[in-house]
């Protein structure tokens, strides 16, 4: 598992998260587990277009914070255009 820190600031409050990358059970892409202060608070996973969505939110983190977090994760892991499925 690879992990790294991400900070999200909204309305002058900064949330500091640790992001853990895990192999996704469906297609080999990564699923992201989110920890705050060492406690598991959410998970985010990619859809078929490699866009990230909230999977679980046991820490009841505000969805707008999780969406900002997903945007930061996507920005740090740009998808490979050539790897898309073509129908």
C-alpha atoms as a PDB file:
ATOM      1  CA  UNK A   1       0.000   0.000   0.000  1.00  0.00           C
ATOM      2  CA  UNK A   2       1.235   3.426  -0.932  1.00  0.00           C
ATOM      3  CA  UNK A   3       0.095   6.327   1.230  1.00  0.00           C
ATOM      4  CA  UNK A   4       0.515  10.090   1.198  1.00  0.00           C
ATOM      5  CA  UNK A   5      -0.811  13.213   2.912  1.00  0.00           C
ATOM      6  CA  UNK A   6      -3.357  15.625   1.426  1.00  0.00           C
ATOM      7  CA  UNK A   7      -4.645  18.843   2.986  1.00  0.00           C
ATOM      8  CA  UNK A   8      -8.013  20.352   2.071  1.00  0.00           C
ATOM      9  CA  UNK A   9      -8.866  23.885   3.192  1.00  0.00           C
ATOM     10  CA  UNK A  10     -12.451  25.104   3.129  1.00  0.00           C
ATOM     11  CA  UNK A  11     -13.864  28.116   4.962  1.00  0.00           C
ATOM     12  CA  UNK A  12     -10.521  28.725   6.735  1.00  0.00           C
ATOM     13  CA  UNK A  13     -10.507  25.198   8.221  1.00  0.00           C
ATOM     14  CA  UNK A  14      -7.826  22.772   7.055  1.00  0.00           C
ATOM     15  CA  UNK A  15      -8.473  19.032   7.049  1.00  0.00           C
ATOM     16  CA  UNK A  16      -5.407  16.795   6.864  1.00  0.00           C
ATOM     17  CA  UNK A  17      -5.942  13.353   5.426  1.00  0.00           C
ATOM     18  CA  UNK A  18      -3.769  10.354   4.781  1.00  0.00           C
ATOM     19  CA  UNK A  19      -4.656   8.601   1.544  1.00  0.00           C
ATOM     20  CA  UNK A  20      -3.935   4.891   1.198  1.00  0.00           C
ATOM     21  CA  UNK A  21      -4.012   3.302  -2.257  1.00  0.00           C
ATOM     22  CA  UNK A  22      -5.249  -0.275  -2.462  1.00  0.00           C
ATOM     23  CA  UNK A  23      -5.761  -2.515  -5.485  1.00  0.00           C
ATOM     24  CA  UNK A  24      -9.398  -2.358  -6.565  1.00  0.00           C
ATOM     25  CA  UNK A  25     -11.165  -5.718  -6.466  1.00  0.00           C
ATOM     26  CA  UNK A  26     -13.012  -5.183  -9.770  1.00  0.00           C
ATOM     27  CA  UNK A  27     -10.507  -4.122 -12.397  1.00  0.00           C
ATOM     28  CA  UNK A  28      -7.077  -3.718 -10.906  1.00  0.00           C
ATOM     29  CA  UNK A  29      -7.300   0.067 -10.587  1.00  0.00           C
ATOM     30  CA  UNK A  30      -6.763   1.720  -7.210  1.00  0.00           C
ATOM     31  CA  UNK A  31      -9.273   2.261  -4.481  1.00  0.00           C
ATOM     32  CA  UNK A  32      -8.422   5.000  -2.025  1.00  0.00           C
ATOM     33  CA  UNK A  33      -8.969   4.753   1.732  1.00  0.00           C
ATOM     34  CA  UNK A  34      -9.036   8.048   3.597  1.00  0.00           C
ATOM     35  CA  UNK A  35      -7.780   8.452   7.163  1.00  0.00           C
ATOM     36  CA  UNK A  36      -7.987  11.499   9.414  1.00  0.00           C
ATOM     37  CA  UNK A  37      -5.931  11.467  12.617  1.00  0.00           C
ATOM     38  CA  UNK A  38      -5.215   7.768  12.016  1.00  0.00           C
ATOM     39  CA  UNK A  39      -8.919   6.857  11.824  1.00  0.00           C
ATOM     40  CA  UNK A  40     -10.541   5.442   8.670  1.00  0.00           C
ATOM     41  CA  UNK A  41     -13.168   8.002   7.612  1.00  0.00           C
ATOM     42  CA  UNK A  42     -13.985   7.337   3.935  1.00  0.00           C
ATOM     43  CA  UNK A  43     -13.166   5.470   0.773  1.00  0.00           C
ATOM     44  CA  UNK A  44     -13.150   6.702  -2.789  1.00  0.00           C
ATOM     45  CA  UNK A  45     -13.116   4.527  -5.897  1.00  0.00           C
ATOM     46  CA  UNK A  46     -12.968   5.019  -9.656  1.00  0.00           C
ATOM     47  CA  UNK A  47     -15.883   4.411 -11.990  1.00  0.00           C
ATOM     48  CA  UNK A  48     -15.541   2.871 -15.458  1.00  0.00           C
ATOM     49  CA  UNK A  49     -14.302   6.242 -16.785  1.00  0.00           C
ATOM     50  CA  UNK A  50     -11.643   6.491 -14.038  1.00  0.00           C
ATOM     51  CA  UNK A  51     -13.456   9.362 -12.303  1.00  0.00           C
ATOM     52  CA  UNK A  52     -13.450   9.105  -8.530  1.00  0.00           C
ATOM     53  CA  UNK A  53     -16.604   8.788  -6.436  1.00  0.00           C
ATOM     54  CA  UNK A  54     -17.324   8.461  -2.737  1.00  0.00           C
ATOM     55  CA  UNK A  55     -17.747   4.796  -1.893  1.00  0.00           C
ATOM     56  CA  UNK A  56     -18.121   4.900   1.900  1.00  0.00           C
ATOM     57  CA  UNK A  57     -18.231   7.707   4.446  1.00  0.00           C
ATOM     58  CA  UNK A  58     -18.242   6.191   7.950  1.00  0.00           C
ATOM     59  CA  UNK A  59     -16.526   9.307   9.349  1.00  0.00           C
ATOM     60  CA  UNK A  60     -19.403  11.512   8.158  1.00  0.00           C
ATOM     61  CA  UNK A  61     -17.007  13.882   6.384  1.00  0.00           C
ATOM     62  CA  UNK A  62     -18.895  16.622   4.513  1.00  0.00           C
ATOM     63  CA  UNK A  63     -19.401  15.522   0.912  1.00  0.00           C
ATOM     64  CA  UNK A  64     -18.037  18.789  -0.477  1.00  0.00           C
ATOM     65  CA  UNK A  65     -14.754  18.107   1.376  1.00  0.00           C
ATOM     66  CA  UNK A  66     -14.627  14.558  -0.044  1.00  0.00           C
ATOM     67  CA  UNK A  67     -15.311  15.858  -3.557  1.00  0.00           C
ATOM     68  CA  UNK A  68     -12.429  18.336  -3.210  1.00  0.00           C
ATOM     69  CA  UNK A  69     -10.274  15.479  -1.953  1.00  0.00           C
ATOM     70  CA  UNK A  70     -11.250  13.307  -4.935  1.00  0.00           C
ATOM     71  CA  UNK A  71     -10.320  16.179  -7.271  1.00  0.00           C
ATOM     72  CA  UNK A  72      -6.867  16.389  -5.663  1.00  0.00           C
ATOM     73  CA  UNK A  73      -6.362  12.629  -5.948  1.00  0.00           C
ATOM     74  CA  UNK A  74      -7.411  12.698  -9.627  1.00  0.00           C
ATOM     75  CA  UNK A  75      -5.015  15.592 -10.292  1.00  0.00           C
ATOM     76  CA  UNK A  76      -2.114  13.676  -8.785  1.00  0.00           C
ATOM     77  CA  UNK A  77      -2.943  10.494 -10.727  1.00  0.00           C
ATOM     78  CA  UNK A  78      -3.862  11.536 -14.265  1.00  0.00           C
ATOM     79  CA  UNK A  79      -5.401   8.689 -16.201  1.00  0.00           C
ATOM     80  CA  UNK A  80      -3.762   7.384 -19.329  1.00  0.00           C
ATOM     81  CA  UNK A  81      -5.947   8.315 -22.289  1.00  0.00           C
ATOM     82  CA  UNK A  82      -4.797   5.285 -24.267  1.00  0.00           C
ATOM     83  CA  UNK A  83      -5.890   2.914 -21.496  1.00  0.00           C
ATOM     84  CA  UNK A  84      -9.611   3.672 -21.839  1.00  0.00           C
ATOM     85  CA  UNK A  85     -12.012   0.988 -22.975  1.00  0.00           C
ATOM     86  CA  UNK A  86     -13.411   1.730 -26.392  1.00  0.00           C
ATOM     87  CA  UNK A  87     -16.904   0.510 -27.145  1.00  0.00           C
END
